[in-house]
C-alpha atoms as a PDB file:
ATOM      1  CA  VAL A   1       0.001  -0.006  -0.010  1.00  0.00           C
ATOM      2  CA  THR A   2       1.232   3.499  -0.845  1.00  0.00           C
ATOM      3  CA  ASP A   3       0.068   6.451   1.247  1.00  0.00           C
ATOM      4  CA  ALA A   4       0.770   9.688  -0.602  1.00  0.00           C
ATOM      5  CA  ARG A   5      -0.051  13.149   0.705  1.00  0.00           C
ATOM      6  CA  HIS A   6       0.572  16.400  -1.171  1.00  0.00           C
ATOM      7  CA  ARG A   7       0.027  19.847   0.274  1.00  0.00           C
ATOM      8  CA  TYR A   8       0.101  23.099  -1.668  1.00  0.00           C
ATOM      9  CA  ALA A   9      -0.009  26.665  -0.359  1.00  0.00           C
ATOM     10  CA  LEU A  10       0.186  30.059  -2.065  1.00  0.00           C
ATOM     11  CA  GLY A  11      -0.002  33.538  -0.670  1.00  0.00           C
ATOM     12  CA  GLU A  12       0.092  36.603  -2.893  1.00  0.00           C
ATOM     13  CA  VAL A  13      -0.215  40.367  -2.515  1.00  0.00           C
ATOM     14  CA  LYS A  14      -0.658  42.617  -5.532  1.00  0.00           C
ATOM     15  CA  GLY A  15      -0.774  46.378  -5.904  1.00  0.00           C
ATOM     16  CA  ASP A  16      -2.159  48.708  -8.550  1.00  0.00           C
ATOM     17  CA  PHE A  17      -0.889  52.273  -8.589  1.00  0.00           C
ATOM     18  CA  LEU A  18      -0.761  55.244 -10.970  1.00  0.00           C
ATOM     19  CA  HIS A  19      -3.902  54.088 -12.795  1.00  0.00           C
ATOM     20  CA  GLY A  20      -2.402  50.688 -13.599  1.00  0.00           C
ATOM     21  CA  ALA A  21       0.994  51.993 -14.676  1.00  0.00           C
ATOM     22  CA  TRP A  22       2.772  50.282 -11.754  1.00  0.00           C
ATOM     23  CA  GLN A  23       1.769  46.859 -10.424  1.00  0.00           C
ATOM     24  CA  PRO A  24       4.018  45.396  -7.701  1.00  0.00           C
ATOM     25  CA  ARG A  25       3.598  41.818  -6.494  1.00  0.00           C
ATOM     26  CA  VAL A  26       4.971  39.632  -3.684  1.00  0.00           C
ATOM     27  CA  ALA A  27       4.200  35.927  -3.502  1.00  0.00           C
ATOM     28  CA  TRP A  28       5.183  32.908  -1.431  1.00  0.00           C
ATOM     29  CA  SER A  29       4.399  29.316  -2.362  1.00  0.00           C
ATOM     30  CA  ARG A  30       5.090  25.939  -0.792  1.00  0.00           C
ATOM     31  CA  THR A  31       4.804  22.370  -2.042  1.00  0.00           C
ATOM     32  CA  ASP A  32       5.080  19.557   0.509  1.00  0.00           C
ATOM     33  CA  THR A  33       4.964  15.895  -0.546  1.00  0.00           C
ATOM     34  CA  ALA A  34       5.150  12.796   1.643  1.00  0.00           C
ATOM     35  CA  ASN A  35       5.001   9.162   0.476  1.00  0.00           C
ATOM     36  CA  ARG A  36       4.859   6.102   2.751  1.00  0.00           C
ATOM     37  CA  PHE A  37       5.145   2.536   1.504  1.00  0.00           C
ATOM     38  CA  LEU A  38       3.448  -0.089   3.716  1.00  0.00           C
ATOM     39  CA  ASP A  39       3.497  -3.891   3.722  1.00  0.00           C
ATOM     40  CA  THR A  40       0.816  -5.520   5.898  1.00  0.00           C
ATOM     41  CA  GLY A  41       0.486  -2.255   7.780  1.00  0.00           C
ATOM     42  CA  LEU A  42       4.230  -1.818   8.467  1.00  0.00           C
ATOM     43  CA  GLN A  43       6.229   0.954   6.863  1.00  0.00           C
ATOM     44  CA  THR A  44       9.038  -0.329   4.620  1.00  0.00           C
ATOM     45  CA  ALA A  45      10.103   2.947   2.985  1.00  0.00           C
ATOM     46  CA  ALA A  46       9.260   6.622   2.784  1.00  0.00           C
ATOM     47  CA  SER A  47      10.224   9.664   0.762  1.00  0.00           C
ATOM     48  CA  GLY A  48       9.260  13.279   0.652  1.00  0.00           C
ATOM     49  CA  GLY A  49      10.281  16.783  -0.256  1.00  0.00           C
ATOM     50  CA  GLU A  50       9.574  20.438   0.199  1.00  0.00           C
ATOM     51  CA  ARG A  51       9.823  23.366  -2.171  1.00  0.00           C
ATOM     52  CA  ASN A  52       9.513  26.939  -0.886  1.00  0.00           C
ATOM     53  CA  ARG A  53       9.596  29.867  -3.306  1.00  0.00           C
ATOM     54  CA  LEU A  54       9.572  33.604  -2.583  1.00  0.00           C
ATOM     55  CA  GLU A  55       8.953  35.985  -5.481  1.00  0.00           C
ATOM     56  CA  ALA A  56       8.900  39.767  -5.760  1.00  0.00           C
ATOM     57  CA  ASP A  57       8.423  41.676  -8.999  1.00  0.00           C
ATOM     58  CA  ASN A  58       7.246  44.973 -10.456  1.00  0.00           C
ATOM     59  CA  THR A  59       5.367  45.433 -13.732  1.00  0.00           C
ATOM     60  CA  PHE A  60       5.226  48.790 -15.477  1.00  0.00           C
ATOM     61  CA  HIS A  61       2.817  49.761 -18.293  1.00  0.00           C
ATOM     62  CA  LEU A  62       3.122  52.751 -20.617  1.00  0.00           C
ATOM     63  CA  ASP A  63       0.524  53.391 -23.325  1.00  0.00           C
ATOM     64  CA  THR A  64       0.669  55.853 -26.196  1.00  0.00           C
ATOM     65  CA  PRO A  65      -1.723  56.137 -29.158  1.00  0.00           C
ATOM     66  CA  ALA A  66       0.574  53.915 -31.241  1.00  0.00           C
ATOM     67  CA  LEU A  67       2.664  51.929 -28.753  1.00  0.00           C
ATOM     68  CA  ARG A  68       2.202  49.862 -25.607  1.00  0.00           C
ATOM     69  CA  HIS A  69       5.204  49.107 -23.397  1.00  0.00           C
ATOM     70  CA  ASP A  70       5.219  46.447 -20.680  1.00  0.00           C
ATOM     71  CA  LEU A  71       8.240  45.865 -18.455  1.00  0.00           C
ATOM     72  CA  THR A  72       8.538  43.332 -15.628  1.00  0.00           C
ATOM     73  CA  VAL A  73      11.561  42.937 -13.351  1.00  0.00           C
ATOM     74  CA  GLY A  74      11.796  40.686 -10.336  1.00  0.00           C
ATOM     75  CA  VAL A  75      13.687  38.271  -8.166  1.00  0.00           C
ATOM     76  CA  GLN A  76      13.014  34.712  -6.997  1.00  0.00           C
ATOM     77  CA  ARG A  77      14.442  32.664  -4.143  1.00  0.00           C
ATOM     78  CA  GLU A  78      13.845  28.906  -3.948  1.00  0.00           C
ATOM     79  CA  TRP A  79      14.656  26.342  -1.262  1.00  0.00           C
ATOM     80  CA  LEU A  80      14.480  22.589  -1.928  1.00  0.00           C
ATOM     81  CA  ALA A  81      14.713  19.709   0.550  1.00  0.00           C
ATOM     82  CA  PHE A  82      14.471  15.965  -0.034  1.00  0.00           C
ATOM     83  CA  HIS A  83      14.596  12.905   2.219  1.00  0.00           C
ATOM     84  CA  ASN A  84      14.442   9.183   1.543  1.00  0.00           C
ATOM     85  CA  ARG A  85      14.058   6.351   4.062  1.00  0.00           C
ATOM     86  CA  SER A  86      14.185   2.541   3.793  1.00  0.00           C
ATOM     87  CA  THR A  87      13.755   0.022   6.585  1.00  0.00           C
ATOM     88  CA  ASP A  88      15.614  -2.842   4.854  1.00  0.00           C
ATOM     89  CA  LEU A  89      18.130  -0.765   2.863  1.00  0.00           C
ATOM     90  CA  PRO A  90      19.906   1.649   5.213  1.00  0.00           C
ATOM     91  CA  ASP A  91      22.211   2.824   2.412  1.00  0.00           C
ATOM     92  CA  ALA A  92      19.195   4.402   0.765  1.00  0.00           C
ATOM     93  CA  ASN A  93      18.628   6.770   3.709  1.00  0.00           C
ATOM     94  CA  GLN A  94      19.611  10.298   2.770  1.00  0.00           C
ATOM     95  CA  ASP A  95      18.732  13.962   3.282  1.00  0.00           C
ATOM     96  CA  ARG A  96      19.599  16.536   0.615  1.00  0.00           C
ATOM     97  CA  LYS A  97      19.068  20.270   0.175  1.00  0.00           C
ATOM     98  CA  ASP A  98      19.452  22.802  -2.607  1.00  0.00           C
ATOM     99  CA  ARG A  99      18.750  26.499  -3.094  1.00  0.00           C
ATOM    100  CA  GLN A 100      18.701  28.946  -5.949  1.00  0.00           C
ATOM    101  CA  SER A 101      18.275  32.677  -6.533  1.00  0.00           C
ATOM    102  CA  SER A 102      17.029  34.092  -9.834  1.00  0.00           C
ATOM    103  CA  LEU A 103      16.782  37.468 -11.512  1.00  0.00           C
ATOM    104  CA  ILE A 104      14.083  37.874 -14.177  1.00  0.00           C
ATOM    105  CA  ALA A 105      13.199  40.611 -16.641  1.00  0.00           C
ATOM    106  CA  GLU A 106      10.758  40.804 -19.526  1.00  0.00           C
ATOM    107  CA  TYR A 107       9.929  43.587 -21.958  1.00  0.00           C
ATOM    108  CA  GLY A 108       6.976  43.611 -24.325  1.00  0.00           C
ATOM    109  CA  LEU A 109       6.101  46.049 -27.118  1.00  0.00           C
ATOM    110  CA  ALA A 110       2.857  46.287 -29.115  1.00  0.00           C
ATOM    111  CA  ILE A 111       2.694  48.526 -32.181  1.00  0.00           C
ATOM    112  CA  LEU A 112      -0.702  49.677 -33.447  1.00  0.00           C
ATOM    113  CA  ASP A 113      -2.250  46.338 -32.411  1.00  0.00           C
ATOM    114  CA  THR A 114      -0.455  44.911 -35.444  1.00  0.00           C
ATOM    115  CA  VAL A 115       3.038  43.916 -34.281  1.00  0.00           C
ATOM    116  CA  TRP A 116       3.876  42.318 -30.925  1.00  0.00           C
ATOM    117  CA  THR A 117       7.370  41.550 -29.657  1.00  0.00           C
ATOM    118  CA  SER A 118       8.793  40.444 -26.322  1.00  0.00           C
ATOM    119  CA  VAL A 119      12.226  39.662 -24.871  1.00  0.00           C
ATOM    120  CA  ALA A 120      12.734  37.814 -21.576  1.00  0.00           C
ATOM    121  CA  TYR A 121      15.913  37.275 -19.548  1.00  0.00           C
ATOM    122  CA  ARG A 122      16.564  34.981 -16.588  1.00  0.00           C
ATOM    123  CA  ARG A 123      19.730  34.600 -14.501  1.00  0.00           C
ATOM    124  CA  ASP A 124      19.914  31.655 -12.087  1.00  0.00           C
ATOM    125  CA  ASN A 125      22.445  31.509  -9.266  1.00  0.00           C
ATOM    126  CA  ASN A 126      22.522  27.974  -7.810  1.00  0.00           C
ATOM    127  CA  HIS A 127      24.799  27.105  -4.904  1.00  0.00           C
ATOM    128  CA  ARG A 128      25.494  23.621  -6.368  1.00  0.00           C
ATOM    129  CA  PHE A 129      25.770  24.301 -10.129  1.00  0.00           C
ATOM    130  CA  ASP A 130      27.278  26.959 -12.322  1.00  0.00           C
ATOM    131  CA  ASP A 131      25.230  30.109 -12.809  1.00  0.00           C
ATOM    132  CA  ALA A 132      22.990  29.952 -15.885  1.00  0.00           C
ATOM    133  CA  THR A 133      21.501  32.592 -18.195  1.00  0.00           C
ATOM    134  CA  THR A 134      18.504  31.878 -20.450  1.00  0.00           C
ATOM    135  CA  VAL A 135      16.646  34.129 -22.861  1.00  0.00           C
ATOM    136  CA  ARG A 136      13.400  34.029 -24.800  1.00  0.00           C
ATOM    137  CA  ALA A 137      12.179  36.205 -27.668  1.00  0.00           C
ATOM    138  CA  THR A 138       8.819  36.283 -29.488  1.00  0.00           C
ATOM    139  CA  ALA A 139       7.343  38.212 -32.381  1.00  0.00           C
ATOM    140  CA  ALA A 140       3.975  38.322 -34.140  1.00  0.00           C
ATOM    141  CA  TRP A 141       2.693  40.360 -37.056  1.00  0.00           C
ATOM    142  CA  ARG A 142      -0.898  40.671 -38.200  1.00  0.00           C
ATOM    143  CA  VAL A 143      -0.389  40.912 -41.953  1.00  0.00           C
ATOM    144  CA  THR A 144      -4.096  41.292 -42.745  1.00  0.00           C
ATOM    145  CA  SER A 145      -7.282  41.116 -40.721  1.00  0.00           C
ATOM    146  CA  ASN A 146      -7.251  37.318 -40.933  1.00  0.00           C
ATOM    147  CA  VAL A 147      -3.558  36.400 -41.389  1.00  0.00           C
ATOM    148  CA  ARG A 148      -0.961  36.462 -38.642  1.00  0.00           C
ATOM    149  CA  VAL A 149       2.638  35.226 -38.692  1.00  0.00           C
ATOM    150  CA  HIS A 150       4.495  34.452 -35.480  1.00  0.00           C
ATOM    151  CA  ALA A 151       7.911  33.199 -34.349  1.00  0.00           C
ATOM    152  CA  SER A 152       9.765  32.558 -31.097  1.00  0.00           C
ATOM    153  CA  TYR A 153      13.091  31.396 -29.695  1.00  0.00           C
ATOM    154  CA  GLY A 154      13.679  30.103 -26.184  1.00  0.00           C
ATOM    155  CA  GLU A 155      16.295  28.505 -23.930  1.00  0.00           C
ATOM    156  CA  GLY A 156      15.890  26.375 -20.805  1.00  0.00           C
ATOM    157  CA  VAL A 157      17.884  24.776 -18.008  1.00  0.00           C
ATOM    158  CA  VAL A 158      16.837  21.834 -15.782  1.00  0.00           C
ATOM    159  CA  ASN A 159      19.001  20.852 -12.826  1.00  0.00           C
ATOM    160  CA  PRO A 160      19.608  17.132 -12.090  1.00  0.00           C
ATOM    161  CA  GLY A 161      17.341  15.548  -9.472  1.00  0.00           C
ATOM    162  CA  PHE A 162      18.542  14.256  -6.110  1.00  0.00           C
ATOM    163  CA  PHE A 163      18.402  10.584  -7.173  1.00  0.00           C
ATOM    164  CA  GLU A 164      20.304  11.436 -10.364  1.00  0.00           C
ATOM    165  CA  LEU A 165      23.003  13.129  -8.308  1.00  0.00           C
ATOM    166  CA  TYR A 166      23.293  10.745  -5.346  1.00  0.00           C
ATOM    167  CA  GLY A 167      21.524   7.577  -6.381  1.00  0.00           C
ATOM    168  CA  PHE A 168      19.138   5.369  -4.485  1.00  0.00           C
ATOM    169  CA  LEU A 169      21.530   2.564  -3.466  1.00  0.00           C
ATOM    170  CA  PRO A 170      25.310   2.988  -3.772  1.00  0.00           C
ATOM    171  CA  ASP A 171      25.832  -0.656  -4.873  1.00  0.00           C
ATOM    172  CA  SER A 172      22.995  -0.843  -7.421  1.00  0.00           C
ATOM    173  CA  PHE A 173      21.439   2.507  -8.387  1.00  0.00           C
ATOM    174  CA  SER A 174      24.348   4.933  -8.052  1.00  0.00           C
ATOM    175  CA  GLY A 175      24.140   8.612  -8.892  1.00  0.00           C
ATOM    176  CA  ASN A 176      26.663  10.952 -10.412  1.00  0.00           C
ATOM    177  CA  PRO A 177      27.393  14.097  -8.379  1.00  0.00           C
ATOM    178  CA  GLU A 178      29.388  15.496 -11.342  1.00  0.00           C
ATOM    179  CA  LEU A 179      26.295  15.814 -13.540  1.00  0.00           C
ATOM    180  CA  LYS A 180      25.684  19.111 -15.303  1.00  0.00           C
ATOM    181  CA  PRO A 181      22.226  20.636 -15.739  1.00  0.00           C
ATOM    182  CA  GLU A 182      20.383  19.801 -18.941  1.00  0.00           C
ATOM    183  CA  ARG A 183      20.145  22.696 -21.387  1.00  0.00           C
ATOM    184  CA  SER A 184      17.822  23.158 -24.312  1.00  0.00           C
ATOM    185  CA  ASN A 185      17.069  25.683 -27.034  1.00  0.00           C
ATOM    186  CA  GLY A 186      14.275  25.777 -29.549  1.00  0.00           C
ATOM    187  CA  ALA A 187      12.696  27.947 -32.200  1.00  0.00           C
ATOM    188  CA  ASP A 188       9.441  28.004 -34.132  1.00  0.00           C
ATOM    189  CA  VAL A 189       7.758  29.944 -36.892  1.00  0.00           C
ATOM    190  CA  GLY A 190       4.158  29.721 -38.030  1.00  0.00           C
ATOM    191  CA  VAL A 191       1.199  31.240 -39.871  1.00  0.00           C
ATOM    192  CA  GLU A 192      -2.285  31.615 -38.430  1.00  0.00           C
ATOM    193  CA  LEU A 193      -5.396  31.982 -40.591  1.00  0.00           C
ATOM    194  CA  SER A 194      -8.753  33.168 -39.241  1.00  0.00           C
ATOM    195  CA  LEU A 195     -11.940  32.284 -41.132  1.00  0.00           C
ATOM    196  CA  LEU A 196     -15.681  32.708 -40.770  1.00  0.00           C
ATOM    197  CA  GLU A 197     -15.366  35.967 -38.829  1.00  0.00           C
ATOM    198  CA  ASN A 198     -12.848  34.443 -36.407  1.00  0.00           C
ATOM    199  CA  ARG A 199     -15.063  31.453 -35.592  1.00  0.00           C
ATOM    200  CA  LEU A 200     -12.501  29.139 -37.228  1.00  0.00           C
ATOM    201  CA  ARG A 201      -8.745  29.443 -36.754  1.00  0.00           C
ATOM    202  CA  LEU A 202      -6.057  27.380 -38.484  1.00  0.00           C
ATOM    203  CA  ASP A 203      -2.400  27.518 -37.464  1.00  0.00           C
ATOM    204  CA  THR A 204       0.595  25.805 -39.078  1.00  0.00           C
ATOM    205  CA  THR A 205       3.830  25.902 -37.078  1.00  0.00           C
ATOM    206  CA  VAL A 206       7.294  24.499 -37.778  1.00  0.00           C
ATOM    207  CA  PHE A 207       9.557  24.040 -34.765  1.00  0.00           C
ATOM    208  CA  ARG A 208      12.970  22.648 -33.877  1.00  0.00           C
ATOM    209  CA  ALA A 209      14.434  21.932 -30.441  1.00  0.00           C
ATOM    210  CA  ARG A 210      17.804  20.668 -29.235  1.00  0.00           C
ATOM    211  CA  LEU A 211      18.768  19.163 -25.877  1.00  0.00           C
ATOM    212  CA  HIS A 212      22.317  19.332 -24.518  1.00  0.00           C
ATOM    213  CA  ASP A 213      23.871  17.230 -21.716  1.00  0.00           C
ATOM    214  CA  GLU A 214      20.824  15.006 -21.502  1.00  0.00           C
ATOM    215  CA  ILE A 215      20.745  12.907 -18.315  1.00  0.00           C
ATOM    216  CA  VAL A 216      20.092   9.205 -18.900  1.00  0.00           C
ATOM    217  CA  THR A 217      20.253   6.016 -16.797  1.00  0.00           C
ATOM    218  CA  ARG A 218      22.579   3.267 -17.966  1.00  0.00           C
ATOM    219  CA  PHE A 219      21.917  -0.381 -17.090  1.00  0.00           C
ATOM    220  CA  ASP A 220      24.911  -2.647 -16.504  1.00  0.00           C
ATOM    221  CA  LEU A 221      24.158  -6.115 -17.892  1.00  0.00           C
ATOM    222  CA  ALA A 222      27.122  -7.635 -16.056  1.00  0.00           C
ATOM    223  CA  SER A 223      26.328  -6.475 -12.517  1.00  0.00           C
ATOM    224  CA  PHE A 224      22.596  -5.760 -12.951  1.00  0.00           C
END
């Protein structure tokens, strides 16, 4: 029998000043997971984790007859904790922690409700891995009343998980503490067609994505 309990909490405070020109926000969120594995009512193993995130950002809006500017800048702080327990496999018992601070910024520009562009920037400072910078850019152009072309480019970073770094059992499922985060980048371009007074919309998009330093699990046929 598996007994799984997940708890989620979110608290957020938003402001609206200068007739919507300045909108500050502060938010805190928490995810708490706990899993117990039982055999005939007795616990044989357990695992769980916590994720706490604190965010603070400011969004600024500036409208003119022809242009709309949107700018968001903010910071994030994240704390991660993980624990694993096994009654029969004491080598699987472990407690791990991680933390990361991030700086984010995004700028959007709309021109005459015909052209939309945005550029986003993120800088992650992790105490375990090298600092990482990722960017994203988007653009869209309404060529006619029913034809729109769009394109985007984006990058991403995913840090290795605790099991991937430290393993589950040193003599069977061993981790690799030298792992690097996975990185990806992708781009797309497409055309959207609106028909029947916007009641029908068709979109054709071509995209390409690449993954670097992918993390995989290798199985040893000799030692199992």
